[in-house]
N, C-alpha and C. Protein backbone atom coordinates (compact mmCIF):
# COMPACT_ATOMS: atom_id res chain seq x y z
N MET A 1 0.98 -1.21 -0.14
CA MET A 1 -0.21 0.30 0.27
C MET A 1 0.83 1.16 -0.10
N THR A 2 0.35 2.01 -0.74
CA THR A 2 1.41 3.61 -0.80
C THR A 2 1.42 3.96 -0.01
N ALA A 3 2.28 4.53 1.13
CA ALA A 3 2.16 5.74 2.37
C ALA A 3 1.61 6.89 1.70
N LEU A 4 0.58 7.33 2.36
CA LEU A 4 -0.01 8.62 2.41
C LEU A 4 0.61 9.94 2.61
N ILE A 5 0.97 10.79 1.33
CA ILE A 5 1.92 12.03 1.98
C ILE A 5 1.03 12.78 2.91
N ASP A 6 1.87 13.67 3.45
CA ASP A 6 1.07 14.57 4.39
C ASP A 6 1.01 15.74 3.84
N PRO A 7 -0.44 16.25 3.82
CA PRO A 7 -0.85 17.34 2.91
C PRO A 7 0.71 18.51 3.27
N ARG A 8 1.19 18.48 4.07
CA ARG A 8 1.70 19.53 4.51
C ARG A 8 3.19 19.69 3.62
N GLU A 9 3.14 18.03 2.79
CA GLU A 9 4.39 17.67 2.07
C GLU A 9 3.82 17.81 0.18
N ALA A 10 3.03 18.56 0.20
CA ALA A 10 2.00 18.33 -0.76
C ALA A 10 3.03 19.07 -1.92
N ASN A 11 2.93 19.08 -3.48
CA ASN A 11 3.37 19.53 -4.48
C ASN A 11 2.24 19.55 -5.31
N HIS A 12 2.76 20.25 -6.61
CA HIS A 12 1.91 20.48 -7.54
C HIS A 12 2.19 19.44 -8.45
N PRO A 13 1.49 19.33 -9.44
CA PRO A 13 1.15 18.15 -10.43
C PRO A 13 2.76 18.10 -11.30
N ASN A 14 3.13 19.53 -11.30
CA ASN A 14 4.43 19.72 -12.14
C ASN A 14 5.42 19.82 -12.00
N PHE A 15 5.56 19.35 -9.99
CA PHE A 15 6.71 18.98 -9.43
C PHE A 15 7.27 18.10 -9.84
N ARG A 16 8.62 18.06 -10.36
CA ARG A 16 10.13 16.95 -10.80
C ARG A 16 11.64 17.30 -9.87
N LEU A 17 11.43 16.15 -9.40
CA LEU A 17 12.66 15.90 -8.07
C LEU A 17 13.89 16.44 -9.37
N GLU A 18 14.18 16.46 -10.07
CA GLU A 18 15.92 16.94 -11.33
C GLU A 18 15.18 18.21 -10.98
N LEU A 19 14.01 18.78 -11.27
CA LEU A 19 14.41 20.20 -11.87
C LEU A 19 14.16 21.06 -10.21
N GLN A 20 13.52 20.40 -9.48
CA GLN A 20 13.82 21.14 -7.77
C GLN A 20 15.37 21.09 -7.39
N GLU A 21 16.35 20.13 -8.13
CA GLU A 21 17.55 19.98 -8.11
C GLU A 21 18.68 20.62 -8.35
N ALA A 22 18.02 21.23 -10.24
CA ALA A 22 18.28 21.71 -10.23
C ALA A 22 18.46 23.08 -10.13
N ALA A 23 16.98 23.36 -9.78
CA ALA A 23 16.55 24.88 -9.07
C ALA A 23 17.50 25.46 -8.08
N GLN A 24 17.90 24.48 -7.32
CA GLN A 24 19.00 24.65 -5.96
C GLN A 24 20.16 25.13 -7.06
N SER A 25 20.96 24.17 -7.92
CA SER A 25 22.09 24.16 -8.10
C SER A 25 22.27 25.74 -8.65
N ARG A 26 21.06 25.52 -9.41
CA ARG A 26 21.40 27.33 -9.92
C ARG A 26 21.13 27.93 -9.40
N ALA A 27 20.60 28.27 -8.05
CA ALA A 27 20.38 29.20 -7.16
C ALA A 27 21.80 29.45 -6.72
N TRP A 28 22.50 28.41 -6.09
CA TRP A 28 24.09 28.82 -5.22
C TRP A 28 24.80 29.06 -6.67
N GLU A 29 24.98 29.04 -7.93
CA GLU A 29 25.52 29.67 -8.88
C GLU A 29 25.67 30.88 -9.07
N THR A 30 23.97 31.35 -8.66
CA THR A 30 23.85 32.66 -9.05
C THR A 30 24.41 33.15 -7.53
N LEU A 31 23.65 32.79 -6.33
CA LEU A 31 24.72 33.40 -5.39
C LEU A 31 26.49 34.07 -5.12
N ALA A 32 26.96 32.92 -5.51
CA ALA A 32 27.94 32.87 -5.93
C ALA A 32 28.66 34.75 -6.87
N ARG A 33 28.21 34.13 -7.82
CA ARG A 33 28.03 35.26 -8.86
C ARG A 33 27.89 36.70 -8.08
N ALA A 34 26.79 36.94 -7.10
CA ALA A 34 26.14 37.89 -7.00
C ALA A 34 27.85 38.02 -5.90
N ALA A 35 27.46 37.67 -4.82
CA ALA A 35 28.68 37.72 -3.85
C ALA A 35 29.94 38.30 -4.34
N ALA A 36 30.09 37.51 -5.37
CA ALA A 36 31.77 38.10 -5.94
C ALA A 36 31.78 39.05 -6.13
N MET A 37 30.63 40.11 -6.39
CA MET A 37 30.28 41.72 -6.67
C MET A 37 30.03 42.56 -5.55
N ILE A 38 29.92 41.87 -4.69
CA ILE A 38 29.83 43.14 -3.33
C ILE A 38 31.30 42.99 -2.81
N GLU A 39 31.08 44.81 -3.00
CA GLU A 39 32.67 45.20 -2.75
C GLU A 39 33.12 46.27 -0.95
N PRO A 40 33.33 46.35 -0.99
CA PRO A 40 33.82 47.83 0.53
C PRO A 40 33.28 48.92 -0.44
N GLY A 41 32.80 49.86 0.56
CA GLY A 41 31.90 51.18 0.32
C GLY A 41 30.93 50.75 -0.12
N MET A 42 30.01 49.75 -0.88
CA MET A 42 29.21 49.25 -0.74
C MET A 42 28.14 49.11 0.40
N ASN A 43 26.94 49.82 0.24
CA ASN A 43 25.73 49.21 1.61
C ASN A 43 25.17 48.25 1.56
N ASP A 44 24.01 48.08 2.20
CA ASP A 44 23.07 46.73 1.87
C ASP A 44 22.00 46.95 0.59
N LEU A 45 21.68 48.18 0.68
CA LEU A 45 21.09 48.70 -0.21
C LEU A 45 21.64 48.48 -1.92
N ASP A 46 22.95 48.90 -1.80
CA ASP A 46 23.90 48.50 -3.25
C ASP A 46 23.73 47.20 -3.30
N GLY A 47 24.02 46.28 -2.18
CA GLY A 47 24.43 45.16 -2.16
C GLY A 47 22.46 44.39 -2.45
N LYS A 48 21.83 44.82 -2.22
CA LYS A 48 20.33 43.89 -2.83
C LYS A 48 20.51 44.28 -4.18
N ALA A 49 20.20 45.45 -4.63
CA ALA A 49 20.08 45.64 -5.75
C ALA A 49 21.14 44.90 -6.80
N ILE A 50 22.15 44.21 -6.52
CA ILE A 50 23.73 43.73 -7.46
C ILE A 50 22.81 42.15 -7.67
N VAL A 51 22.18 41.64 -5.65
CA VAL A 51 21.59 40.45 -6.08
C VAL A 51 20.42 40.34 -7.06
N ASP A 52 19.68 41.32 -7.17
CA ASP A 52 18.64 41.13 -8.02
C ASP A 52 18.70 41.15 -9.51
N GLN A 53 20.02 41.71 -9.40
CA GLN A 53 20.13 41.96 -11.15
C GLN A 53 20.82 40.59 -11.37
N ALA A 54 21.73 39.91 -10.51
CA ALA A 54 22.34 39.12 -10.47
C ALA A 54 21.29 37.92 -11.09
N ILE A 55 19.72 37.72 -9.99
CA ILE A 55 18.79 36.50 -10.45
C ILE A 55 18.14 37.06 -11.86
N MET A 56 18.46 38.59 -12.01
CA MET A 56 17.73 38.33 -12.80
C MET A 56 18.00 37.99 -14.18
N ASP A 57 19.68 38.34 -14.18
CA ASP A 57 20.41 38.16 -15.35
C ASP A 57 20.65 36.08 -15.34
N SER A 58 20.18 35.58 -14.61
CA SER A 58 20.56 34.61 -14.26
C SER A 58 19.19 32.93 -15.11
N GLY A 59 18.21 34.56 -15.59
CA GLY A 59 17.31 33.49 -16.24
C GLY A 59 15.84 33.33 -15.47
N ALA A 60 16.40 33.57 -14.53
CA ALA A 60 15.05 32.87 -13.35
C ALA A 60 13.87 33.81 -13.20
N GLU A 61 12.97 33.44 -13.40
CA GLU A 61 11.37 33.48 -13.88
C GLU A 61 10.66 34.61 -12.88
N ARG A 62 11.41 34.18 -11.58
CA ARG A 62 10.74 34.88 -10.56
C ARG A 62 11.47 34.97 -9.21
N LEU A 63 11.32 35.80 -8.50
CA LEU A 63 11.36 35.48 -7.20
C LEU A 63 10.56 35.04 -6.43
N TRP A 64 10.61 33.73 -5.71
CA TRP A 64 9.47 34.04 -4.72
C TRP A 64 9.47 34.07 -3.37
N HIS A 65 10.51 34.62 -3.38
CA HIS A 65 10.57 35.44 -1.84
C HIS A 65 11.80 36.85 -2.28
N ALA A 66 11.35 37.81 -0.81
CA ALA A 66 12.59 38.74 -1.64
C ALA A 66 14.04 38.53 -1.08
N SER A 67 14.83 38.80 -1.83
CA SER A 67 16.28 39.26 -1.43
C SER A 67 16.43 39.79 -0.19
N GLN A 68 17.19 38.84 0.92
CA GLN A 68 18.03 39.20 1.99
C GLN A 68 19.20 39.15 1.95
N VAL A 69 19.48 40.80 2.29
CA VAL A 69 20.91 41.28 1.81
C VAL A 69 21.43 41.45 3.56
N ARG A 70 22.08 41.52 4.55
CA ARG A 70 22.45 42.07 5.21
C ARG A 70 24.49 42.42 5.38
N PHE A 71 24.54 43.51 6.01
CA PHE A 71 25.84 43.75 5.85
C PHE A 71 26.46 44.10 7.23
N GLY A 72 27.57 43.58 7.39
CA GLY A 72 28.20 44.11 8.58
C GLY A 72 27.67 43.71 9.90
N SER A 73 27.16 44.73 11.49
CA SER A 73 26.65 44.77 12.25
C SER A 73 24.92 44.11 11.91
N ASN A 74 24.46 44.52 10.86
CA ASN A 74 23.17 44.02 10.35
C ASN A 74 23.11 42.32 10.11
N THR A 75 24.11 42.15 10.61
CA THR A 75 24.19 40.22 10.11
C THR A 75 23.38 39.71 11.96
N LEU A 76 23.36 40.72 12.61
CA LEU A 76 22.77 40.75 13.96
C LEU A 76 21.20 39.96 13.70
N LEU A 77 20.64 41.15 13.07
CA LEU A 77 19.12 41.59 13.12
C LEU A 77 18.37 40.24 13.04
N PRO A 78 17.13 40.04 13.15
CA PRO A 78 16.26 38.63 12.96
C PRO A 78 15.79 38.81 12.03
N PHE A 79 15.18 38.02 11.00
CA PHE A 79 15.38 38.25 9.97
C PHE A 79 14.18 38.88 9.62
N GLY A 80 13.02 39.83 8.78
CA GLY A 80 11.68 40.45 8.90
C GLY A 80 12.35 41.62 9.77
N GLU A 81 13.51 42.12 10.36
CA GLU A 81 13.79 43.02 11.02
C GLU A 81 14.03 43.89 9.88
N THR A 82 13.54 45.66 9.68
CA THR A 82 14.96 46.31 9.16
C THR A 82 15.53 46.85 9.91
N PRO A 83 16.56 46.80 9.24
CA PRO A 83 17.90 47.37 9.95
C PRO A 83 17.43 48.86 10.02
N ALA A 84 18.12 49.68 11.01
CA ALA A 84 18.19 51.03 11.24
C ALA A 84 18.47 51.88 10.03
N ALA A 85 20.07 51.66 9.52
CA ALA A 85 20.48 52.26 8.52
C ALA A 85 21.32 51.11 8.29
N PRO A 86 21.18 51.48 6.35
CA PRO A 86 22.16 51.06 5.99
C PRO A 86 24.01 50.31 6.43
N HIS A 87 24.39 49.50 6.19
CA HIS A 87 25.75 49.26 6.85
C HIS A 87 26.92 49.38 5.49
N ILE A 88 27.56 50.57 5.82
CA ILE A 88 28.82 50.40 4.73
C ILE A 88 29.87 49.56 4.98
N LEU A 89 30.03 48.99 3.80
CA LEU A 89 31.42 47.51 3.88
C LEU A 89 32.55 48.20 4.26
N GLU A 90 33.18 47.92 5.39
CA GLU A 90 34.97 48.23 5.48
C GLU A 90 35.53 47.34 4.77
N PRO A 91 36.84 47.54 4.69
CA PRO A 91 37.49 46.51 3.32
C PRO A 91 37.90 45.24 4.33
N ASN A 92 37.62 45.41 5.67
CA ASN A 92 37.72 43.67 7.14
C ASN A 92 35.96 43.68 7.04
N ASP A 93 35.12 42.85 6.78
CA ASP A 93 33.96 43.03 7.24
C ASP A 93 33.17 41.77 6.84
N LEU A 94 32.03 41.83 7.17
CA LEU A 94 31.26 40.48 6.96
C LEU A 94 30.23 40.97 6.36
N PHE A 95 29.36 39.45 5.58
CA PHE A 95 28.00 40.14 4.89
C PHE A 95 27.21 38.12 5.22
N PHE A 96 25.90 38.64 4.57
CA PHE A 96 25.31 37.45 4.32
C PHE A 96 23.89 37.70 3.16
N LEU A 97 23.92 36.66 2.57
CA LEU A 97 22.95 37.16 1.34
C LEU A 97 22.10 35.63 1.63
N ASP A 98 20.33 35.71 0.63
CA ASP A 98 19.83 34.91 0.95
C ASP A 98 18.75 35.10 -0.16
N ILE A 99 18.70 34.58 -1.28
CA ILE A 99 18.27 34.06 -2.70
C ILE A 99 17.02 33.04 -2.61
N GLY A 100 15.78 33.59 -3.46
CA GLY A 100 14.70 33.07 -3.63
C GLY A 100 14.70 32.88 -5.28
N PRO A 101 14.94 32.49 -5.75
CA PRO A 101 14.81 32.63 -7.43
C PRO A 101 14.04 31.31 -7.75
N CYS A 102 13.24 31.62 -8.71
CA CYS A 102 12.66 30.59 -9.54
C CYS A 102 12.80 29.97 -10.53
N TYR A 103 13.30 28.75 -10.85
CA TYR A 103 13.92 28.20 -12.12
C TYR A 103 13.05 27.28 -13.04
N GLU A 104 12.33 27.02 -13.67
CA GLU A 104 11.40 26.34 -14.72
C GLU A 104 10.66 25.50 -14.16
N GLY A 105 9.72 26.67 -13.11
CA GLY A 105 8.63 26.79 -12.36
C GLY A 105 8.93 26.05 -10.60
N HIS A 106 10.00 26.12 -10.52
CA HIS A 106 10.42 25.34 -8.95
C HIS A 106 11.28 26.41 -8.01
N GLU A 107 10.94 26.45 -7.10
CA GLU A 107 11.57 27.38 -6.37
C GLU A 107 13.07 27.01 -5.44
N GLY A 108 14.40 27.51 -6.34
CA GLY A 108 15.44 27.93 -5.16
C GLY A 108 15.47 28.52 -4.11
N ASP A 109 16.49 28.26 -2.76
CA ASP A 109 16.42 28.67 -1.87
C ASP A 109 17.50 28.55 -1.60
N VAL A 110 18.59 29.38 -1.16
CA VAL A 110 20.20 28.99 -0.96
C VAL A 110 20.50 30.49 -0.23
N GLY A 111 21.14 30.46 1.04
CA GLY A 111 21.71 31.96 1.92
C GLY A 111 23.26 31.12 2.33
N ALA A 112 24.20 32.01 2.19
CA ALA A 112 25.52 31.92 2.83
C ALA A 112 26.42 33.08 3.13
N GLY A 113 27.19 32.96 3.97
CA GLY A 113 27.82 34.37 4.59
C GLY A 113 29.13 34.23 4.45
N PHE A 114 29.47 35.48 3.84
CA PHE A 114 30.90 35.90 3.16
C PHE A 114 31.98 37.05 3.56
N THR A 115 33.19 36.70 3.69
CA THR A 115 33.86 37.83 4.60
C THR A 115 34.78 38.78 3.06
N LEU A 116 35.53 39.97 3.65
CA LEU A 116 36.15 40.63 2.97
C LEU A 116 36.98 40.68 3.94
N GLY A 117 38.43 40.77 3.14
CA GLY A 117 39.44 41.15 3.81
C GLY A 117 39.79 39.63 4.70
N ARG A 118 40.86 39.87 5.79
CA ARG A 118 40.94 39.29 6.63
C ARG A 118 40.58 39.23 8.06
N VAL A 119 39.48 38.36 8.30
CA VAL A 119 39.00 38.53 9.58
C VAL A 119 39.08 37.25 10.02
N PRO A 120 40.06 36.64 10.75
CA PRO A 120 39.70 35.03 11.46
C PRO A 120 38.52 35.35 12.26
N ALA A 121 38.24 35.84 12.70
CA ALA A 121 36.85 35.56 13.77
C ALA A 121 35.67 35.71 13.31
N TYR A 122 35.46 36.31 11.99
CA TYR A 122 34.20 36.46 11.24
C TYR A 122 34.41 35.65 9.99
N GLN A 123 35.41 34.81 9.53
CA GLN A 123 35.42 33.38 9.08
C GLN A 123 35.23 32.34 9.83
N SER A 124 35.71 32.49 11.03
CA SER A 124 35.07 31.40 11.82
C SER A 124 33.75 31.30 11.89
N LEU A 125 32.89 32.20 12.50
CA LEU A 125 31.84 32.54 12.62
C LEU A 125 30.50 32.28 11.19
N ILE A 126 31.39 32.05 10.31
CA ILE A 126 30.41 31.27 8.94
C ILE A 126 30.67 30.08 8.94
N GLU A 127 32.38 29.23 9.41
CA GLU A 127 32.20 28.41 9.06
C GLU A 127 31.62 28.15 10.35
N ASP A 128 31.21 28.48 11.07
CA ASP A 128 30.05 27.54 12.11
C ASP A 128 29.20 27.82 11.90
N SER A 129 28.69 27.89 11.15
CA SER A 129 26.94 28.49 10.79
C SER A 129 26.71 27.50 9.72
N LYS A 130 28.00 26.88 8.54
CA LYS A 130 27.86 25.57 8.11
C LYS A 130 27.84 24.26 8.44
N ALA A 131 28.89 24.74 9.50
CA ALA A 131 29.46 23.12 10.59
C ALA A 131 28.05 22.69 11.68
N VAL A 132 26.96 23.88 11.95
CA VAL A 132 26.24 23.69 12.78
C VAL A 132 25.06 23.32 11.82
N PHE A 133 24.91 23.78 10.55
CA PHE A 133 23.77 22.66 8.94
C PHE A 133 24.42 21.34 9.01
N ALA A 134 25.49 21.19 8.91
CA ALA A 134 25.92 20.32 8.12
C ALA A 134 25.65 18.80 9.43
N ALA A 135 25.79 19.73 10.61
CA ALA A 135 25.26 18.52 12.18
C ALA A 135 23.85 18.02 12.32
N VAL A 136 23.07 19.29 11.44
CA VAL A 136 21.58 19.20 11.74
C VAL A 136 21.46 18.20 10.71
N LYS A 137 22.05 18.28 9.56
CA LYS A 137 21.56 17.72 8.25
C LYS A 137 21.48 16.08 8.56
N ALA A 138 22.88 15.87 9.16
CA ALA A 138 23.25 14.58 9.33
C ALA A 138 22.60 14.17 10.15
N HIS A 139 22.20 14.62 11.44
CA HIS A 139 21.08 14.11 12.31
C HIS A 139 19.76 13.65 12.11
N TRP A 140 19.62 14.46 10.87
CA TRP A 140 18.47 14.34 10.14
C TRP A 140 18.18 12.88 8.93
N ILE A 141 19.50 12.63 9.16
CA ILE A 141 19.58 11.35 7.96
C ILE A 141 19.63 10.36 8.96
N GLU A 142 20.57 10.32 10.06
CA GLU A 142 20.69 8.98 10.66
C GLU A 142 19.36 8.72 11.50
N THR A 143 18.51 9.82 11.84
CA THR A 143 17.30 9.80 12.87
C THR A 143 16.32 10.07 12.50
N GLY A 144 16.00 10.41 11.58
CA GLY A 144 15.11 10.92 11.16
C GLY A 144 14.03 11.60 11.96
N ALA A 145 14.63 12.61 12.70
CA ALA A 145 14.49 13.16 13.48
C ALA A 145 13.54 14.37 13.12
N ASN A 146 12.20 14.58 13.82
CA ASN A 146 11.06 15.54 13.41
C ASN A 146 11.92 17.19 13.09
N GLY A 147 10.67 18.17 13.26
CA GLY A 147 11.31 19.66 12.90
C GLY A 147 11.80 20.07 14.46
N PRO A 148 10.65 20.07 15.59
CA PRO A 148 11.42 20.27 16.74
C PRO A 148 12.40 19.46 16.99
N ALA A 149 12.71 18.76 16.84
CA ALA A 149 13.96 17.87 17.09
C ALA A 149 14.93 18.34 16.47
N LEU A 150 15.00 18.54 15.61
CA LEU A 150 16.28 18.83 14.62
C LEU A 150 16.47 20.40 15.04
N TYR A 151 15.48 21.22 15.69
CA TYR A 151 15.94 22.44 15.99
C TYR A 151 16.24 22.63 17.12
N ASP A 152 16.60 22.02 17.84
CA ASP A 152 16.50 21.39 19.27
C ASP A 152 18.07 21.35 19.15
N PHE A 153 18.35 20.02 18.07
CA PHE A 153 19.65 19.45 18.46
C PHE A 153 20.82 20.88 17.62
N ALA A 154 20.12 21.47 16.93
CA ALA A 154 20.65 22.82 16.53
C ALA A 154 20.71 23.90 17.29
N LEU A 155 20.35 24.29 18.16
CA LEU A 155 20.77 25.28 19.42
C LEU A 155 21.71 24.35 20.45
N ALA A 156 21.88 23.09 20.53
CA ALA A 156 22.83 22.62 21.55
C ALA A 156 24.15 22.64 20.40
N GLU A 157 23.74 22.40 18.73
CA GLU A 157 24.97 22.23 18.22
C GLU A 157 25.93 23.81 17.98
N ALA A 158 24.60 25.10 17.99
CA ALA A 158 25.65 26.08 18.01
C ALA A 158 25.96 26.54 19.70
N ALA A 159 25.34 26.14 20.48
CA ALA A 159 25.99 26.78 21.93
C ALA A 159 27.65 25.91 21.62
N LYS A 160 27.50 24.55 21.79
CA LYS A 160 28.79 24.29 21.36
C LYS A 160 30.11 24.55 20.80
N ARG A 161 29.72 25.28 20.06
CA ARG A 161 30.58 26.02 19.26
C ARG A 161 30.81 27.90 19.83
N GLY A 162 29.73 27.57 21.20
CA GLY A 162 29.91 29.24 21.65
C GLY A 162 28.85 30.59 20.91
N ARG A 163 27.85 29.85 19.97
CA ARG A 163 27.41 30.78 19.33
C ARG A 163 25.77 30.05 19.87
N THR A 164 25.05 31.58 19.67
CA THR A 164 23.84 31.64 19.79
C THR A 164 23.11 31.78 18.41
N LEU A 165 21.87 30.32 18.96
CA LEU A 165 21.34 29.99 17.27
C LEU A 165 19.76 31.08 17.57
N ALA A 166 19.96 31.84 16.16
CA ALA A 166 18.76 33.02 16.15
C ALA A 166 17.84 32.11 15.30
N LEU A 167 16.43 31.91 15.93
CA LEU A 167 15.41 31.22 15.25
C LEU A 167 14.21 32.23 14.63
N GLU A 168 14.34 33.62 15.17
CA GLU A 168 13.26 34.11 14.78
C GLU A 168 13.39 34.36 12.98
N GLY A 169 12.32 34.07 12.39
CA GLY A 169 12.29 34.72 10.78
C GLY A 169 13.12 33.30 10.41
N ALA A 170 13.99 32.71 10.61
CA ALA A 170 14.84 31.74 10.58
C ALA A 170 14.67 30.29 11.20
N SER A 171 13.53 29.78 10.73
CA SER A 171 13.14 28.41 11.57
C SER A 171 13.10 27.29 10.34
N GLY A 172 13.64 27.78 8.82
CA GLY A 172 13.02 26.21 8.34
C GLY A 172 11.84 26.39 7.51
N HIS A 173 11.77 26.06 5.99
CA HIS A 173 10.05 26.34 5.87
C HIS A 173 10.30 25.32 4.15
N ARG A 174 8.78 25.10 3.59
CA ARG A 174 8.54 24.78 2.60
C ARG A 174 9.43 24.94 1.40
N ILE A 175 9.28 23.64 0.34
CA ILE A 175 10.37 24.62 -1.04
C ILE A 175 9.56 23.33 -1.70
N GLY A 176 9.61 23.74 -2.76
CA GLY A 176 9.10 23.00 -4.21
C GLY A 176 8.48 23.80 -5.55
N ALA A 177 7.57 23.14 -6.34
CA ALA A 177 7.34 23.48 -7.81
C ALA A 177 6.47 24.93 -6.77
N PHE A 178 6.54 26.26 -7.61
CA PHE A 178 6.06 27.53 -7.41
C PHE A 178 4.24 27.29 -8.04
N PRO A 179 3.63 27.73 -6.36
CA PRO A 179 3.94 28.14 -5.66
C PRO A 179 3.84 27.47 -4.18
N HIS A 180 4.64 26.71 -3.32
CA HIS A 180 4.75 25.98 -2.44
C HIS A 180 3.55 26.42 -1.22
N ARG A 181 3.26 28.10 -1.16
CA ARG A 181 2.62 27.97 0.05
C ARG A 181 1.18 27.57 -0.14
N VAL A 182 0.53 27.69 -1.11
CA VAL A 182 -0.69 27.31 -1.62
C VAL A 182 -0.52 25.89 -0.21
N HIS A 183 0.06 24.83 -0.21
CA HIS A 183 0.18 23.73 0.42
C HIS A 183 0.90 23.88 1.73
N HIS A 184 1.27 24.48 2.34
CA HIS A 184 1.93 25.27 3.19
C HIS A 184 2.92 25.97 3.95
N SER A 185 2.80 26.80 4.43
CA SER A 185 3.22 28.22 4.87
C SER A 185 4.39 28.28 6.63
N GLY A 186 4.04 26.70 7.46
CA GLY A 186 4.42 26.56 8.25
C GLY A 186 5.68 26.58 8.33
N LYS A 187 6.70 26.44 9.75
CA LYS A 187 7.90 26.31 9.54
C LYS A 187 8.42 24.74 9.73
N LEU A 188 9.30 24.69 9.49
CA LEU A 188 10.13 23.46 9.69
C LEU A 188 10.07 23.08 11.16
N LYS A 189 10.82 23.72 12.13
CA LYS A 189 10.69 24.08 13.54
C LYS A 189 9.57 23.72 13.98
N ALA A 190 8.28 23.54 13.29
CA ALA A 190 7.15 23.29 14.16
C ALA A 190 6.29 21.45 13.26
N PHE A 191 7.18 21.37 12.12
CA PHE A 191 6.79 20.26 11.55
C PHE A 191 7.29 19.05 12.83
N GLY A 192 6.02 18.60 12.68
CA GLY A 192 6.22 17.37 14.02
C GLY A 192 6.41 15.93 13.91
N LYS A 193 6.54 15.95 12.07
CA LYS A 193 6.88 14.77 11.04
C LYS A 193 8.47 14.29 11.44
N THR A 194 9.17 13.34 10.50
CA THR A 194 10.17 13.50 9.85
C THR A 194 9.76 14.56 8.60
N PRO A 195 10.79 14.97 8.66
CA PRO A 195 10.67 16.07 7.19
C PRO A 195 11.29 14.80 5.91
N SER A 196 10.22 15.12 5.30
CA SER A 196 10.62 14.24 3.19
C SER A 196 12.04 15.22 2.66
N PRO A 197 12.75 14.47 2.11
CA PRO A 197 13.63 15.02 1.41
C PRO A 197 13.05 15.85 -0.23
N ALA A 198 14.02 16.93 -0.45
CA ALA A 198 13.86 17.90 -1.38
C ALA A 198 12.09 18.35 -0.99
N ALA A 199 11.68 18.29 -0.07
CA ALA A 199 10.57 19.53 0.54
C ALA A 199 11.10 20.29 1.83
N TRP A 200 12.01 20.66 2.03
CA TRP A 200 12.15 22.09 2.78
C TRP A 200 13.79 22.05 2.81
N ILE A 201 13.47 23.59 3.56
CA ILE A 201 14.88 23.67 4.05
C ILE A 201 15.26 24.66 5.14
N LEU A 202 16.18 24.37 5.49
CA LEU A 202 16.56 23.94 6.76
C LEU A 202 18.04 25.46 6.80
N GLU A 203 17.06 26.51 8.03
CA GLU A 203 17.85 27.73 8.13
C GLU A 203 18.71 27.80 9.27
N ILE A 204 20.38 28.11 9.00
CA ILE A 204 20.59 28.06 10.35
C ILE A 204 21.22 29.53 10.65
N HIS A 205 20.86 30.47 11.04
CA HIS A 205 21.23 31.84 12.01
C HIS A 205 22.26 31.87 12.89
N VAL A 206 23.53 31.94 12.90
CA VAL A 206 23.71 31.75 14.36
C VAL A 206 24.87 33.85 14.23
N VAL A 207 24.62 33.92 15.66
CA VAL A 207 25.44 34.91 16.23
C VAL A 207 25.79 34.80 17.38
N ASP A 208 26.94 36.37 17.03
CA ASP A 208 27.90 36.00 17.92
C ASP A 208 27.66 38.04 18.66
N HIS A 209 26.80 37.79 19.78
CA HIS A 209 26.76 38.96 20.19
C HIS A 209 28.27 40.08 20.52
N ALA A 210 29.04 39.53 21.05
CA ALA A 210 30.44 39.72 21.41
C ALA A 210 31.38 40.59 20.46
N LEU A 211 31.04 39.37 19.03
CA LEU A 211 31.62 39.79 18.19
C LEU A 211 30.78 41.01 16.98
N LYS A 212 29.56 40.88 17.53
CA LYS A 212 28.46 41.98 17.07
C LYS A 212 28.23 42.07 15.35
N ALA A 213 28.16 40.03 15.36
CA ALA A 213 28.38 39.91 13.81
C ALA A 213 27.20 38.55 13.94
N GLY A 214 26.83 38.26 13.08
CA GLY A 214 25.93 36.99 12.65
C GLY A 214 26.13 36.31 11.08
N ALA A 215 25.79 34.99 11.22
CA ALA A 215 26.52 34.01 9.98
C ALA A 215 25.13 33.44 9.28
N PHE A 216 24.52 33.48 8.56
CA PHE A 216 23.72 32.74 8.18
C PHE A 216 23.69 31.64 7.07
N TYR A 217 23.08 30.36 6.90
CA TYR A 217 23.12 29.49 6.30
C TYR A 217 22.26 28.80 5.97
N GLU A 218 21.79 28.32 4.55
CA GLU A 218 20.64 27.51 4.30
C GLU A 218 20.58 26.31 2.74
N ASP A 219 19.81 25.49 2.98
CA ASP A 219 20.22 24.60 1.51
C ASP A 219 18.41 23.61 2.19
N MET A 220 18.38 22.60 1.31
CA MET A 220 17.44 21.87 1.53
C MET A 220 17.79 20.18 1.95
N LEU A 221 17.26 20.49 2.55
CA LEU A 221 17.32 18.62 3.14
C LEU A 221 16.92 17.51 1.77
């Protein structure tokens, strides 16, 4: 007997796994191109214009969510909170980008942190965001943990590295053929079952208040 699909993980009839994976791959390529164009002297608004142009140039059909661009100390802020003022990038600084382009009717969603210059503490923070993501994904594969358990695990993994996991606005969500929101708009952190592959985005936002900086990493489970 075929197992019933949880309606929160439903998809449109046009969903194809290979197209979903391709959308993620293309989104990562676009993110890398945009990040390479970010330079000292730019502010968050300059960065958003660059990111959005890079997405257009990549052949994306649309954005399924607005691009998120955070520079310097603004990387500390929760998602959804508008910075009080744009941060002008210094020669030694950090930033993160989060983009949601659609390719061939499928939603890409990727995000990562980057550094300018050489500040080991910033690079370590960014590496920790990736390490927490990798640990949580491995835990999901090994144990089949549900959404709340995954984020409990993420909190512990961040704490092990001396970081704080910022959950406001960054606790995972659905992904799929556009628009996934007609099926489910809730958070991964609240999904009480084992998340299915290629259906969810795991978001990790770690912050270090002493450093006055944060780092973000997200990808598909």
